[in-house]
Amino acid sequence: MSGLIRTISTRTAPALRGPMITQRASVFTRPAKDPLGPAETVIGLGMFAVAILGPSGWVLANIENYKKKA
């Protein structure tokens, strides 16, 4: 019985709410004005790698110090 009520409520709820406000995202479908060069790509990927792997590398390099403190 609860499945039937859930099905009915999910199908009628949008009609009872009235017109929805549509939100438009700021998405551009054109290509970039200036394409990125290989140097910029390497620098960007390198920065992401440092930002993601740097903190975990620091913890793993100093794990013995962390074990001594606890």
Protein backbone atom coordinates (compact mmCIF):
# COMPACT_ATOMS: atom_id res chain seq x y z
CA MET A 1 0.00 0.00 0.00
CA SER A 2 2.81 2.43 0.82
CA GLY A 3 4.36 1.76 -2.62
CA LEU A 4 1.12 2.80 -4.28
CA ILE A 5 0.92 6.01 -2.25
CA ARG A 6 4.57 6.80 -3.01
CA THR A 7 3.99 6.30 -6.75
CA ILE A 8 0.91 8.51 -6.77
CA SER A 9 2.59 11.25 -4.73
CA THR A 10 5.70 11.36 -6.93
CA ARG A 11 3.60 11.69 -10.07
CA THR A 12 1.16 14.30 -8.77
CA ALA A 13 3.55 16.42 -6.69
CA PRO A 14 5.07 18.36 -9.65
CA ALA A 15 1.59 19.17 -10.97
CA LEU A 16 0.48 20.47 -7.57
CA ARG A 17 3.53 22.68 -7.11
CA GLY A 18 2.75 24.85 -10.10
CA PRO A 19 5.15 26.26 -12.66
CA MET A 20 8.77 25.73 -11.76
CA ILE A 21 11.40 28.43 -12.03
CA THR A 22 13.99 27.37 -14.54
CA GLN A 23 17.59 28.18 -13.77
CA ARG A 24 20.09 28.59 -16.55
CA ALA A 25 23.71 27.71 -16.04
CA SER A 26 26.48 29.86 -17.42
CA VAL A 27 27.90 27.29 -19.80
CA PHE A 28 29.68 28.38 -22.95
CA THR A 29 29.69 25.99 -25.87
CA ARG A 30 32.30 27.78 -27.93
CA PRO A 31 35.97 26.76 -27.89
CA ALA A 32 38.42 28.76 -25.82
CA LYS A 33 39.66 32.05 -27.26
CA ASP A 34 43.30 31.10 -26.69
CA PRO A 35 44.11 27.39 -26.70
CA LEU A 36 46.38 26.16 -23.90
CA GLY A 37 49.92 25.29 -24.84
CA PRO A 38 51.83 22.22 -23.69
CA ALA A 39 53.77 24.18 -21.05
CA GLU A 40 50.59 25.53 -19.46
CA THR A 41 49.07 22.05 -19.47
CA VAL A 42 52.11 20.51 -17.78
CA ILE A 43 52.21 23.28 -15.16
CA GLY A 44 48.50 22.90 -14.43
CA LEU A 45 48.68 19.12 -14.09
CA GLY A 46 51.78 19.44 -11.94
CA MET A 47 50.07 21.87 -9.58
CA PHE A 48 47.08 19.55 -9.23
CA ALA A 49 49.40 16.62 -8.49
CA VAL A 50 51.25 18.60 -5.81
CA ALA A 51 47.99 19.80 -4.26
CA ILE A 52 46.56 16.29 -4.09
CA LEU A 53 49.65 14.18 -3.38
CA GLY A 54 51.64 16.70 -1.32
CA PRO A 55 49.73 16.46 1.98
CA SER A 56 49.50 12.66 1.87
CA GLY A 57 53.21 12.44 1.06
CA TRP A 58 54.00 14.71 4.01
CA VAL A 59 52.01 12.48 6.37
CA LEU A 60 53.63 9.31 5.05
CA ALA A 61 57.11 10.83 5.30
CA ASN A 62 56.53 11.87 8.92
CA ILE A 63 54.43 8.92 10.07
CA GLU A 64 57.01 7.86 12.67
CA ASN A 65 56.81 11.30 14.30
CA TYR A 66 53.02 11.02 14.44
CA LYS A 67 53.25 7.55 16.04
CA LYS A 68 55.53 8.90 18.78
CA LYS A 69 53.15 11.74 19.70
CA ALA A 70 50.14 9.46 20.33
